[in-house]
Amino acid sequence: EQPEWRDRMVSAMREVKAVAAAQGIELEEPAGLVNVAARDMRTSMQKDAAAGRPLELDHISGPIVRGGREHHVPTPATEELVELVRARYPA
């Protein structure tokens, strides 16, 4: 619901699309997916954080960041989100 967070999410999803394309995989435009997501939808990582469980941050974001580096695809939005999550939920 907050525009700045929606923009961050769409940017990160576009990075996923770009990294996938560099690997020969075509994905949908992510903005449409965000528009149809339910307002009360929560990711598995959000559910884990709320329950105090360890986060699978590297399993989720790692392939994007590593794939971006491997294929010279910038992933600043994903990297920013990783740092924000790490700051809020230190391991």
Protein backbone atom coordinates (compact mmCIF):
# COMPACT_ATOMS: atom_id res chain seq x y z
CA GLU A 1 0.00 0.00 0.00
CA GLN A 2 2.95 2.34 0.51
CA PRO A 3 4.12 3.62 -2.89
CA GLU A 4 7.83 3.63 -2.01
CA TRP A 5 7.69 -0.03 -0.93
CA ARG A 6 5.63 -0.97 -3.97
CA ASP A 7 8.25 0.69 -6.17
CA ARG A 8 11.04 -1.19 -4.38
CA MET A 9 9.23 -4.47 -4.82
CA VAL A 10 8.54 -3.88 -8.52
CA SER A 11 12.18 -2.85 -9.05
CA ALA A 12 13.41 -6.03 -7.36
CA MET A 13 11.00 -8.11 -9.41
CA ARG A 14 12.27 -6.46 -12.59
CA GLU A 15 15.78 -7.42 -11.54
CA VAL A 16 14.61 -11.04 -11.20
CA LYS A 17 13.17 -10.79 -14.72
CA ALA A 18 16.42 -9.32 -16.08
CA VAL A 19 18.60 -11.97 -14.43
CA ALA A 20 16.27 -14.70 -15.69
CA ALA A 21 16.40 -13.24 -19.22
CA ALA A 22 20.21 -13.28 -19.07
CA GLN A 23 19.88 -17.01 -18.38
CA GLY A 24 17.45 -17.55 -21.25
CA ILE A 25 14.26 -17.58 -19.17
CA GLU A 26 11.42 -15.19 -20.00
CA LEU A 27 9.12 -14.04 -17.18
CA GLU A 28 6.03 -11.84 -17.10
CA GLU A 29 6.19 -8.11 -16.45
CA PRO A 30 6.08 -7.97 -12.63
CA ALA A 31 4.04 -4.79 -12.16
CA GLY A 32 0.88 -6.65 -13.11
CA LEU A 33 1.51 -9.28 -10.46
CA VAL A 34 1.78 -6.62 -7.77
CA ASN A 35 -1.48 -5.04 -8.87
CA VAL A 36 -3.43 -8.28 -8.35
CA ALA A 37 -1.80 -9.33 -5.07
CA ALA A 38 -4.14 -9.35 -2.12
CA ARG A 39 -3.53 -6.59 0.43
CA ASP A 40 -3.25 -9.12 3.22
CA MET A 41 -0.83 -11.34 1.31
CA ARG A 42 2.40 -12.11 3.18
CA THR A 43 5.53 -13.77 1.90
CA SER A 44 6.98 -16.84 3.56
CA MET A 45 9.85 -14.67 4.82
CA GLN A 46 7.39 -12.25 6.43
CA LYS A 47 5.66 -15.19 8.10
CA ASP A 48 9.01 -16.58 9.30
CA ALA A 49 10.02 -13.18 10.73
CA ALA A 50 6.70 -12.79 12.54
CA ALA A 51 7.10 -16.27 14.05
CA GLY A 52 10.72 -15.65 15.06
CA ARG A 53 12.04 -18.33 12.71
CA PRO A 54 15.32 -18.01 10.81
CA LEU A 55 14.97 -16.19 7.50
CA GLU A 56 15.92 -17.83 4.20
CA LEU A 57 17.33 -14.55 2.92
CA ASP A 58 20.28 -16.03 1.05
CA HIS A 59 18.15 -18.79 -0.48
CA ILE A 60 15.67 -16.25 -1.81
CA SER A 61 17.85 -13.28 -2.75
CA GLY A 62 21.19 -15.01 -3.27
CA PRO A 63 20.45 -16.46 -6.72
CA ILE A 64 19.30 -13.04 -7.92
CA VAL A 65 22.37 -11.17 -6.66
CA ARG A 66 24.82 -13.89 -7.74
CA GLY A 67 23.11 -14.31 -11.12
CA GLY A 68 23.23 -10.56 -11.62
CA ARG A 69 26.96 -10.49 -10.94
CA GLU A 70 27.57 -13.49 -13.19
CA HIS A 71 25.65 -11.96 -16.10
CA HIS A 72 26.57 -8.31 -15.42
CA VAL A 73 22.97 -7.42 -14.59
CA PRO A 74 22.70 -4.73 -11.89
CA THR A 75 20.58 -5.71 -8.87
CA PRO A 76 20.58 -2.59 -6.65
CA ALA A 77 16.96 -2.93 -5.49
CA THR A 78 17.47 -6.53 -4.41
CA GLU A 79 20.74 -5.67 -2.68
CA GLU A 80 19.05 -2.77 -0.88
CA LEU A 81 16.22 -5.00 0.32
CA VAL A 82 18.73 -7.59 1.56
CA GLU A 83 20.53 -4.94 3.60
CA LEU A 84 17.25 -3.60 5.01
CA VAL A 85 16.18 -7.09 6.08
CA ARG A 86 19.60 -7.85 7.59
CA ALA A 87 19.53 -4.59 9.55
CA ARG A 88 16.09 -5.34 10.94
CA TYR A 89 16.65 -9.06 11.58
CA PRO A 90 20.33 -9.60 12.39
CA ALA A 91 21.33 -13.26 12.26
